[in-house]
Structure formats: structure tokens, C-alpha cells
Amino acid sequence: MEIELDKSFKERVLHAVLFEVTANVIIALSLAWLMNVSVLQSGSLSVISALAATAWNFVFNKFFDALQKKYAFQRTFLVRAIHAVCFETGLIITLIPVAMVMLNLTVTEAFFVEIGLVLFFLPYTMLFNWLYDYLRWTFVWAETVRHLDLYSLFLHLIEERRCSIM
């Protein structure tokens, strides 16, 4: 399976929307079941968390890029690991009070809910992107085969072969 790297803007938006909508549905239903709260409560927390993560991503990465410009460090594996840990820590700290209020939780309970969300997103991100790439590849390949006129291709190859012999 080949991965297409030059996706259009529309496809990138589609990918991001599918990623977030699917994650929010899974999280809302799972939290409602696990915590015995309404889907409205868990869904609201999920959507607010996604919006907060998006805003935090913007702010955090702007700050991180400024640090990189100032100190001229390379984004090695270690730097990327530190980046990820700092990002997730900031997000957890930001979202603990939100979870406390929305689900009527203690600090400890809210902390574990947020840790659970982080642990959910690690395999989810990998699985979602693999599945998206696989389905995209399958769809694009099917479209290519469907539009391929094998008889014309065969005649064209025979003609090329005959011309190269003469």
C-alpha cells in the first residue's frame, strides 16, 4: 500500500473532521457508559476537550517554535518526546477543572479521566490513520481499475511492441 503525501486541502479537512468526529463519538459513548453519565455530558466534555486541544496545540506550538528559533535546537527524537510530554501535561492541567465541573468529579477522578483520554488517543491515532490510508488506497485503486480499459491497453502494448520490432 502506497501512502499519498500530496493530499488536497479538501482531503486534509475531510481527514481532520473524520478523525475528530469519530473520536468524539467513541469518547462520548465510552465515557457515558464507564462513568454512568449522560451522553450529553460526556459528549460535551469530549467536544470541549477537542476544542481546547486545538487551541492549546496552536498556542503551545507557537511558543515551542519561538523557543527553537531562539535556542536553535534540532527536533531530535528526545526533543520530540519532551515536546509531546509537555504538550499532553499542559492539556491535562487545562482540562482537569473542565472534567471536574462537567462530570462532578474530584481532582483525582478528573486526572484519571484525562489520563484515560491520552491513553485512548495513542492507539486511536495510529489505528485511525492506518485505516484511513488503507481505505483511501483501496478506493483510489478501485477507481483506477474501474476506469482502466484493459482491451485498449492490450492493443496499445501490442502496437508498441510491433513498432519497436520494425
N, C-alpha and C. Protein backbone atom coordinates (compact mmCIF):
# COMPACT_ATOMS: atom_id res chain seq x y z
N MET A 1 0.85 -1.18 0.00
CA MET A 1 0.00 0.00 0.00
C MET A 1 0.89 1.23 0.00
N GLU A 2 0.66 2.11 -0.97
CA GLU A 2 1.40 3.37 -1.02
C GLU A 2 0.60 4.45 -0.32
N ILE A 3 1.31 5.33 0.38
CA ILE A 3 0.68 6.44 1.08
C ILE A 3 0.84 7.69 0.22
N GLU A 4 -0.27 8.33 -0.09
CA GLU A 4 -0.26 9.57 -0.86
C GLU A 4 0.11 10.72 0.07
N LEU A 5 1.18 11.43 -0.26
CA LEU A 5 1.63 12.53 0.58
C LEU A 5 1.11 13.88 0.10
N ASP A 6 0.74 13.97 -1.16
CA ASP A 6 0.27 15.24 -1.73
C ASP A 6 -1.25 15.29 -1.75
N LYS A 7 -1.85 15.27 -0.58
CA LYS A 7 -3.31 15.32 -0.49
C LYS A 7 -3.78 16.76 -0.67
N SER A 8 -4.98 16.91 -1.21
CA SER A 8 -5.54 18.24 -1.41
C SER A 8 -5.97 18.84 -0.07
N PHE A 9 -6.20 20.13 -0.07
CA PHE A 9 -6.69 20.82 1.13
C PHE A 9 -8.02 20.23 1.57
N LYS A 10 -8.91 19.98 0.59
CA LYS A 10 -10.22 19.41 0.92
C LYS A 10 -10.08 18.04 1.59
N GLU A 11 -9.17 17.23 1.06
CA GLU A 11 -8.99 15.90 1.65
C GLU A 11 -8.42 16.00 3.06
N ARG A 12 -7.51 16.94 3.28
CA ARG A 12 -6.94 17.12 4.62
C ARG A 12 -8.02 17.57 5.61
N VAL A 13 -8.91 18.44 5.16
CA VAL A 13 -10.03 18.86 6.02
C VAL A 13 -10.93 17.67 6.31
N LEU A 14 -11.24 16.89 5.28
CA LEU A 14 -12.06 15.68 5.46
C LEU A 14 -11.41 14.74 6.47
N HIS A 15 -10.12 14.50 6.33
CA HIS A 15 -9.39 13.63 7.25
C HIS A 15 -9.50 14.14 8.69
N ALA A 16 -9.26 15.43 8.89
CA ALA A 16 -9.31 16.01 10.24
C ALA A 16 -10.71 15.92 10.84
N VAL A 17 -11.73 16.21 10.03
CA VAL A 17 -13.11 16.16 10.52
C VAL A 17 -13.50 14.72 10.86
N LEU A 18 -13.18 13.78 9.98
CA LEU A 18 -13.47 12.37 10.28
C LEU A 18 -12.76 11.91 11.55
N PHE A 19 -11.51 12.31 11.70
CA PHE A 19 -10.73 11.94 12.89
C PHE A 19 -11.42 12.45 14.15
N GLU A 20 -11.78 13.72 14.17
CA GLU A 20 -12.37 14.33 15.37
C GLU A 20 -13.78 13.81 15.64
N VAL A 21 -14.60 13.71 14.61
CA VAL A 21 -15.98 13.24 14.81
C VAL A 21 -15.98 11.81 15.32
N THR A 22 -15.18 10.96 14.70
CA THR A 22 -15.11 9.56 15.14
C THR A 22 -14.62 9.47 16.58
N ALA A 23 -13.56 10.20 16.90
CA ALA A 23 -13.02 10.19 18.27
C ALA A 23 -14.06 10.69 19.27
N ASN A 24 -14.75 11.78 18.93
CA ASN A 24 -15.74 12.34 19.85
C ASN A 24 -16.91 11.39 20.09
N VAL A 25 -17.34 10.68 19.06
CA VAL A 25 -18.43 9.71 19.23
C VAL A 25 -17.97 8.57 20.14
N ILE A 26 -16.78 8.03 19.87
CA ILE A 26 -16.26 6.93 20.69
C ILE A 26 -16.10 7.38 22.14
N ILE A 27 -15.51 8.55 22.34
CA ILE A 27 -15.28 9.05 23.71
C ILE A 27 -16.60 9.32 24.42
N ALA A 28 -17.52 9.98 23.74
CA ALA A 28 -18.81 10.31 24.38
C ALA A 28 -19.54 9.05 24.82
N LEU A 29 -19.61 8.06 23.95
CA LEU A 29 -20.31 6.82 24.29
C LEU A 29 -19.57 6.03 25.37
N SER A 30 -18.25 5.97 25.27
CA SER A 30 -17.46 5.23 26.26
C SER A 30 -17.52 5.88 27.64
N LEU A 31 -17.35 7.20 27.69
CA LEU A 31 -17.42 7.89 28.98
C LEU A 31 -18.80 7.78 29.60
N ALA A 32 -19.83 7.89 28.79
CA ALA A 32 -21.20 7.77 29.31
C ALA A 32 -21.40 6.41 29.95
N TRP A 33 -20.91 5.38 29.29
CA TRP A 33 -21.07 4.02 29.81
C TRP A 33 -20.18 3.78 31.04
N LEU A 34 -18.89 4.15 30.94
CA LEU A 34 -17.95 3.89 32.03
C LEU A 34 -18.23 4.72 33.29
N MET A 35 -18.67 5.96 33.11
CA MET A 35 -18.84 6.86 34.24
C MET A 35 -20.30 6.99 34.68
N ASN A 36 -21.18 6.32 33.94
CA ASN A 36 -22.61 6.38 34.25
C ASN A 36 -23.13 7.82 34.25
N VAL A 37 -22.77 8.53 33.18
CA VAL A 37 -23.26 9.90 32.99
C VAL A 37 -24.01 9.94 31.66
N SER A 38 -24.70 11.03 31.42
CA SER A 38 -25.45 11.13 30.17
C SER A 38 -24.50 11.32 28.99
N VAL A 39 -24.96 10.91 27.82
CA VAL A 39 -24.18 11.11 26.60
C VAL A 39 -24.01 12.60 26.33
N LEU A 40 -24.99 13.40 26.74
CA LEU A 40 -24.87 14.85 26.58
C LEU A 40 -23.69 15.37 27.40
N GLN A 41 -23.55 14.91 28.64
CA GLN A 41 -22.43 15.34 29.48
C GLN A 41 -21.10 14.88 28.89
N SER A 42 -21.01 13.60 28.57
CA SER A 42 -19.75 13.07 28.06
C SER A 42 -19.42 13.64 26.68
N GLY A 43 -20.45 13.82 25.86
CA GLY A 43 -20.24 14.41 24.54
C GLY A 43 -19.79 15.86 24.63
N SER A 44 -20.38 16.60 25.56
CA SER A 44 -19.97 18.00 25.76
C SER A 44 -18.52 18.07 26.21
N LEU A 45 -18.16 17.20 27.15
CA LEU A 45 -16.76 17.17 27.61
C LEU A 45 -15.83 16.82 26.46
N SER A 46 -16.22 15.87 25.64
CA SER A 46 -15.40 15.45 24.51
C SER A 46 -15.19 16.59 23.51
N VAL A 47 -16.27 17.29 23.18
CA VAL A 47 -16.17 18.39 22.22
C VAL A 47 -15.35 19.54 22.80
N ILE A 48 -15.60 19.89 24.06
CA ILE A 48 -14.83 20.96 24.70
C ILE A 48 -13.35 20.57 24.77
N SER A 49 -13.07 19.31 25.08
CA SER A 49 -11.69 18.83 25.12
C SER A 49 -11.03 18.94 23.75
N ALA A 50 -11.75 18.59 22.70
CA ALA A 50 -11.21 18.68 21.34
C ALA A 50 -10.92 20.13 20.97
N LEU A 51 -11.83 21.03 21.31
CA LEU A 51 -11.62 22.45 21.02
C LEU A 51 -10.44 23.00 21.83
N ALA A 52 -10.37 22.62 23.10
CA ALA A 52 -9.26 23.06 23.95
C ALA A 52 -7.93 22.52 23.43
N ALA A 53 -7.93 21.26 22.99
CA ALA A 53 -6.70 20.65 22.45
C ALA A 53 -6.25 21.38 21.19
N THR A 54 -7.21 21.78 20.36
CA THR A 54 -6.88 22.51 19.14
C THR A 54 -6.27 23.87 19.47
N ALA A 55 -6.91 24.59 20.39
CA ALA A 55 -6.39 25.91 20.80
C ALA A 55 -5.02 25.77 21.48
N TRP A 56 -4.90 24.80 22.38
CA TRP A 56 -3.63 24.56 23.08
C TRP A 56 -2.54 24.17 22.09
N ASN A 57 -2.87 23.38 21.08
CA ASN A 57 -1.92 22.99 20.05
C ASN A 57 -1.36 24.22 19.35
N PHE A 58 -2.23 25.15 19.00
CA PHE A 58 -1.82 26.38 18.33
C PHE A 58 -0.87 27.18 19.21
N VAL A 59 -1.29 27.43 20.46
CA VAL A 59 -0.51 28.25 21.39
C VAL A 59 0.82 27.56 21.73
N PHE A 60 0.74 26.30 22.11
CA PHE A 60 1.92 25.56 22.54
C PHE A 60 2.96 25.49 21.42
N ASN A 61 2.52 25.16 20.20
CA ASN A 61 3.48 25.03 19.10
C ASN A 61 4.06 26.36 18.67
N LYS A 62 3.29 27.43 18.79
CA LYS A 62 3.84 28.77 18.51
C LYS A 62 4.95 29.08 19.50
N PHE A 63 4.70 28.80 20.78
CA PHE A 63 5.69 29.00 21.83
C PHE A 63 6.91 28.10 21.60
N PHE A 64 6.68 26.85 21.29
CA PHE A 64 7.76 25.89 21.07
C PHE A 64 8.62 26.30 19.87
N ASP A 65 7.98 26.74 18.79
CA ASP A 65 8.72 27.20 17.61
C ASP A 65 9.58 28.41 17.95
N ALA A 66 9.04 29.32 18.78
CA ALA A 66 9.80 30.50 19.20
C ALA A 66 11.03 30.08 20.01
N LEU A 67 10.86 29.10 20.89
CA LEU A 67 12.00 28.58 21.66
C LEU A 67 13.04 27.97 20.73
N GLN A 68 12.58 27.25 19.72
CA GLN A 68 13.52 26.63 18.79
C GLN A 68 14.28 27.69 18.00
N LYS A 69 13.61 28.76 17.60
CA LYS A 69 14.30 29.85 16.89
C LYS A 69 15.34 30.49 17.80
N LYS A 70 14.96 30.74 19.05
CA LYS A 70 15.86 31.43 19.99
C LYS A 70 17.08 30.58 20.32
N TYR A 71 16.89 29.30 20.58
CA TYR A 71 17.99 28.44 21.04
C TYR A 71 18.56 27.53 19.94
N ALA A 72 17.98 27.55 18.76
CA ALA A 72 18.48 26.84 17.58
C ALA A 72 18.75 25.35 17.82
N PHE A 73 17.84 24.67 18.51
CA PHE A 73 18.00 23.23 18.72
C PHE A 73 17.31 22.48 17.58
N GLN A 74 17.74 21.24 17.38
CA GLN A 74 17.16 20.37 16.36
C GLN A 74 16.02 19.56 16.97
N ARG A 75 15.08 19.16 16.17
CA ARG A 75 13.97 18.34 16.66
C ARG A 75 14.35 16.85 16.59
N THR A 76 15.19 16.49 17.50
CA THR A 76 15.61 15.09 17.61
C THR A 76 14.48 14.28 18.23
N PHE A 77 14.69 12.97 18.31
CA PHE A 77 13.69 12.12 18.95
C PHE A 77 13.44 12.57 20.39
N LEU A 78 14.52 12.87 21.12
CA LEU A 78 14.39 13.30 22.51
C LEU A 78 13.61 14.61 22.61
N VAL A 79 13.91 15.56 21.75
CA VAL A 79 13.19 16.84 21.76
C VAL A 79 11.72 16.62 21.43
N ARG A 80 11.43 15.76 20.48
CA ARG A 80 10.03 15.46 20.14
C ARG A 80 9.31 14.77 21.30
N ALA A 81 10.01 13.91 22.01
CA ALA A 81 9.42 13.25 23.18
C ALA A 81 9.12 14.28 24.27
N ILE A 82 10.06 15.18 24.52
CA ILE A 82 9.84 16.24 25.51
C ILE A 82 8.67 17.12 25.07
N HIS A 83 8.63 17.45 23.79
CA HIS A 83 7.53 18.25 23.23
C HIS A 83 6.19 17.57 23.51
N ALA A 84 6.09 16.28 23.22
CA ALA A 84 4.84 15.54 23.40
C ALA A 84 4.43 15.49 24.87
N VAL A 85 5.38 15.21 25.75
CA VAL A 85 5.08 15.14 27.19
C VAL A 85 4.63 16.50 27.71
N CYS A 86 5.33 17.56 27.33
CA CYS A 86 4.94 18.91 27.77
C CYS A 86 3.57 19.30 27.22
N PHE A 87 3.31 18.98 25.96
CA PHE A 87 2.01 19.29 25.36
C PHE A 87 0.90 18.58 26.12
N GLU A 88 1.04 17.28 26.32
CA GLU A 88 0.00 16.50 27.00
C GLU A 88 -0.17 16.93 28.45
N THR A 89 0.93 17.25 29.13
CA THR A 89 0.85 17.71 30.52
C THR A 89 0.06 19.01 30.60
N GLY A 90 0.37 19.95 29.71
CA GLY A 90 -0.37 21.22 29.69
C GLY A 90 -1.84 21.01 29.39
N LEU A 91 -2.14 20.10 28.48
CA LEU A 91 -3.53 19.82 28.13
C LEU A 91 -4.27 19.19 29.30
N ILE A 92 -3.63 18.24 29.97
CA ILE A 92 -4.26 17.60 31.14
C ILE A 92 -4.54 18.62 32.23
N ILE A 93 -3.57 19.48 32.51
CA ILE A 93 -3.75 20.51 33.54
C ILE A 93 -4.90 21.45 33.17
N THR A 94 -5.00 21.78 31.90
CA THR A 94 -6.08 22.65 31.42
C THR A 94 -7.44 21.99 31.54
N LEU A 95 -7.51 20.69 31.25
CA LEU A 95 -8.81 20.02 31.17
C LEU A 95 -9.30 19.39 32.47
N ILE A 96 -8.44 19.25 33.47
CA ILE A 96 -8.89 18.67 34.75
C ILE A 96 -10.05 19.47 35.34
N PRO A 97 -9.94 20.80 35.44
CA PRO A 97 -11.09 21.55 36.00
C PRO A 97 -12.36 21.42 35.17
N VAL A 98 -12.21 21.32 33.86
CA VAL A 98 -13.37 21.17 32.98
C VAL A 98 -14.07 19.84 33.28
N ALA A 99 -13.30 18.77 33.38
CA ALA A 99 -13.88 17.45 33.69
C ALA A 99 -14.51 17.45 35.08
N MET A 100 -13.87 18.14 36.03
CA MET A 100 -14.41 18.20 37.39
C MET A 100 -15.80 18.82 37.40
N VAL A 101 -15.93 19.94 36.72
CA VAL A 101 -17.20 20.66 36.70
C VAL A 101 -18.25 19.91 35.89
N MET A 102 -17.89 19.46 34.69
CA MET A 102 -18.88 18.86 33.79
C MET A 102 -19.38 17.50 34.26
N LEU A 103 -18.51 16.73 34.92
CA LEU A 103 -18.90 15.39 35.34
C LEU A 103 -19.00 15.26 36.86
N ASN A 104 -18.86 16.39 37.55
CA ASN A 104 -18.95 16.40 39.02
C ASN A 104 -17.95 15.41 39.63
N LEU A 105 -16.67 15.58 39.30
CA LEU A 105 -15.62 14.67 39.74
C LEU A 105 -14.68 15.34 40.73
N THR A 106 -13.95 14.52 41.47
CA THR A 106 -12.87 15.04 42.31
C THR A 106 -11.67 15.31 41.41
N VAL A 107 -10.66 15.97 41.95
CA VAL A 107 -9.44 16.23 41.19
C VAL A 107 -8.81 14.92 40.73
N THR A 108 -8.75 13.96 41.61
CA THR A 108 -8.14 12.66 41.28
C THR A 108 -8.92 11.95 40.18
N GLU A 109 -10.24 11.94 40.29
CA GLU A 109 -11.06 11.29 39.27
C GLU A 109 -10.90 11.98 37.91
N ALA A 110 -10.91 13.32 37.93
CA ALA A 110 -10.74 14.08 36.69
C ALA A 110 -9.36 13.82 36.08
N PHE A 111 -8.34 13.73 36.93
CA PHE A 111 -6.99 13.43 36.46
C PHE A 111 -6.98 12.10 35.71
N PHE A 112 -7.60 11.08 36.30
CA PHE A 112 -7.61 9.76 35.66
C PHE A 112 -8.46 9.74 34.39
N VAL A 113 -9.51 10.53 34.35
CA VAL A 113 -10.29 10.65 33.11
C VAL A 113 -9.40 11.22 32.01
N GLU A 114 -8.66 12.26 32.33
CA GLU A 114 -7.78 12.90 31.34
C GLU A 114 -6.64 11.98 30.92
N ILE A 115 -6.08 11.24 31.87
CA ILE A 115 -5.04 10.25 31.53
C ILE A 115 -5.65 9.19 30.59
N GLY A 116 -6.87 8.78 30.88
CA GLY A 116 -7.57 7.82 30.02
C GLY A 116 -7.74 8.34 28.61
N LEU A 117 -8.04 9.63 28.48
CA LEU A 117 -8.18 10.21 27.14
C LEU A 117 -6.85 10.21 26.39
N VAL A 118 -5.77 10.53 27.09
CA VAL A 118 -4.45 10.49 26.46
C VAL A 118 -4.14 9.07 26.01
N LEU A 119 -4.41 8.10 26.89
CA LEU A 119 -4.14 6.70 26.55
C LEU A 119 -5.04 6.20 25.42
N PHE A 120 -6.24 6.76 25.31
CA PHE A 120 -7.14 6.43 24.20
C PHE A 120 -6.55 6.93 22.88
N PHE A 121 -6.06 8.18 22.88
CA PHE A 121 -5.64 8.80 21.63
C PHE A 121 -4.37 8.20 21.05
N LEU A 122 -3.52 7.60 21.87
CA LEU A 122 -2.30 7.00 21.31
C LEU A 122 -2.63 5.89 20.31
N PRO A 123 -3.33 4.83 20.71
CA PRO A 123 -3.65 3.79 19.71
C PRO A 123 -4.70 4.24 18.70
N TYR A 124 -5.64 5.10 19.13
CA TYR A 124 -6.68 5.57 18.21
C TYR A 124 -6.06 6.28 17.02
N THR A 125 -5.12 7.17 17.28
CA THR A 125 -4.49 7.94 16.20
C THR A 125 -3.79 7.01 15.22
N MET A 126 -3.08 6.05 15.74
CA MET A 126 -2.38 5.11 14.87
C MET A 126 -3.37 4.27 14.05
N LEU A 127 -4.37 3.72 14.71
CA LEU A 127 -5.35 2.87 14.03
C LEU A 127 -6.18 3.67 13.02
N PHE A 128 -6.65 4.85 13.41
CA PHE A 128 -7.46 5.66 12.51
C PHE A 128 -6.68 5.99 11.24
N ASN A 129 -5.44 6.46 11.40
CA ASN A 129 -4.65 6.85 10.23
C ASN A 129 -4.30 5.67 9.35
N TRP A 130 -4.03 4.51 9.94
CA TRP A 130 -3.77 3.31 9.14
C TRP A 130 -5.02 2.94 8.35
N LEU A 131 -6.17 2.92 9.03
CA LEU A 131 -7.42 2.55 8.37
C LEU A 131 -7.78 3.56 7.28
N TYR A 132 -7.60 4.85 7.56
CA TYR A 132 -7.89 5.89 6.57
C TYR A 132 -7.01 5.67 5.33
N ASP A 133 -5.71 5.47 5.54
CA ASP A 133 -4.79 5.27 4.41
C ASP A 133 -5.15 4.00 3.63
N TYR A 134 -5.50 2.94 4.35
CA TYR A 134 -5.86 1.68 3.69
C TYR A 134 -7.14 1.86 2.85
N LEU A 135 -8.16 2.47 3.44
CA LEU A 135 -9.42 2.67 2.71
C LEU A 135 -9.23 3.62 1.54
N ARG A 136 -8.42 4.66 1.73
CA ARG A 136 -8.15 5.61 0.66
C ARG A 136 -7.44 4.88 -0.48
N TRP A 137 -6.41 4.09 -0.16
CA TRP A 137 -5.67 3.34 -1.16
C TRP A 137 -6.59 2.37 -1.89
N THR A 138 -7.44 1.67 -1.14
CA THR A 138 -8.37 0.71 -1.74
C THR A 138 -9.34 1.43 -2.67
N PHE A 139 -9.89 2.57 -2.24
CA PHE A 139 -10.84 3.32 -3.04
C PHE A 139 -10.18 3.86 -4.31
N VAL A 140 -9.00 4.46 -4.15
CA VAL A 140 -8.31 5.03 -5.31
C VAL A 140 -7.92 3.92 -6.29
N TRP A 141 -7.43 2.79 -5.78
CA TRP A 141 -7.06 1.66 -6.63
C TRP A 141 -8.29 1.13 -7.37
N ALA A 142 -9.41 1.00 -6.67
CA ALA A 142 -10.64 0.51 -7.29
C ALA A 142 -11.10 1.46 -8.39
N GLU A 143 -11.00 2.75 -8.15
CA GLU A 143 -11.38 3.73 -9.17
C GLU A 143 -10.47 3.63 -10.39
N THR A 144 -9.18 3.45 -10.14
CA THR A 144 -8.22 3.33 -11.24
C THR A 144 -8.53 2.11 -12.09
N VAL A 145 -8.76 0.98 -11.45
CA VAL A 145 -9.06 -0.26 -12.17
C VAL A 145 -10.37 -0.14 -12.92
N ARG A 146 -11.36 0.49 -12.30
CA ARG A 146 -12.67 0.63 -12.93
C ARG A 146 -12.58 1.45 -14.22
N HIS A 147 -11.71 2.45 -14.24
CA HIS A 147 -11.59 3.32 -15.41
C HIS A 147 -10.59 2.79 -16.43
N LEU A 148 -9.94 1.73 -16.11
CA LEU A 148 -8.93 1.18 -17.00
C LEU A 148 -9.59 0.30 -18.06
N ASP A 149 -9.34 0.62 -19.28
CA ASP A 149 -9.85 -0.19 -20.39
C ASP A 149 -8.75 -1.17 -20.78
N LEU A 150 -8.84 -2.40 -20.26
CA LEU A 150 -7.78 -3.39 -20.45
C LEU A 150 -7.59 -3.78 -21.92
N TYR A 151 -8.67 -3.85 -22.66
CA TYR A 151 -8.56 -4.22 -24.08
C TYR A 151 -7.76 -3.17 -24.84
N SER A 152 -8.06 -1.89 -24.61
CA SER A 152 -7.32 -0.81 -25.28
C SER A 152 -5.86 -0.83 -24.86
N LEU A 153 -5.62 -1.09 -23.59
CA LEU A 153 -4.25 -1.17 -23.10
C LEU A 153 -3.50 -2.32 -23.79
N PHE A 154 -4.15 -3.44 -23.91
CA PHE A 154 -3.56 -4.61 -24.56
C PHE A 154 -3.20 -4.27 -26.01
N LEU A 155 -4.14 -3.66 -26.76
CA LEU A 155 -3.87 -3.30 -28.15
C LEU A 155 -2.73 -2.29 -28.25
N HIS A 156 -2.69 -1.35 -27.33
CA HIS A 156 -1.63 -0.34 -27.32
C HIS A 156 -0.27 -1.00 -27.09
N LEU A 157 -0.19 -1.93 -26.17
CA LEU A 157 1.07 -2.63 -25.89
C LEU A 157 1.52 -3.46 -27.08
N ILE A 158 0.57 -4.10 -27.75
CA ILE A 158 0.91 -4.89 -28.95
C ILE A 158 1.44 -3.96 -30.04
N GLU A 159 0.79 -2.83 -30.23
CA GLU A 159 1.21 -1.86 -31.25
C GLU A 159 2.62 -1.34 -30.93
N GLU A 160 2.88 -1.03 -29.68
CA GLU A 160 4.22 -0.56 -29.28
C GLU A 160 5.27 -1.62 -29.55
N ARG A 161 4.93 -2.84 -29.22
CA ARG A 161 5.86 -3.96 -29.41
C ARG A 161 6.15 -4.15 -30.91
N ARG A 162 5.11 -4.07 -31.73
CA ARG A 162 5.26 -4.25 -33.17
C ARG A 162 6.12 -3.13 -33.76
N CYS A 163 5.90 -1.89 -33.31
CA CYS A 163 6.68 -0.75 -33.81
C CYS A 163 8.15 -0.86 -33.41
N SER A 164 8.41 -1.37 -32.22
CA SER A 164 9.80 -1.47 -31.76
C SER A 164 10.56 -2.57 -32.49
N ILE A 165 9.84 -3.56 -33.02
CA ILE A 165 10.49 -4.65 -33.76
C ILE A 165 10.86 -4.16 -35.15
N MET A 166 10.04 -3.34 -35.77
CA MET A 166 10.27 -2.88 -37.15
C MET A 166 11.28 -1.83 -37.19
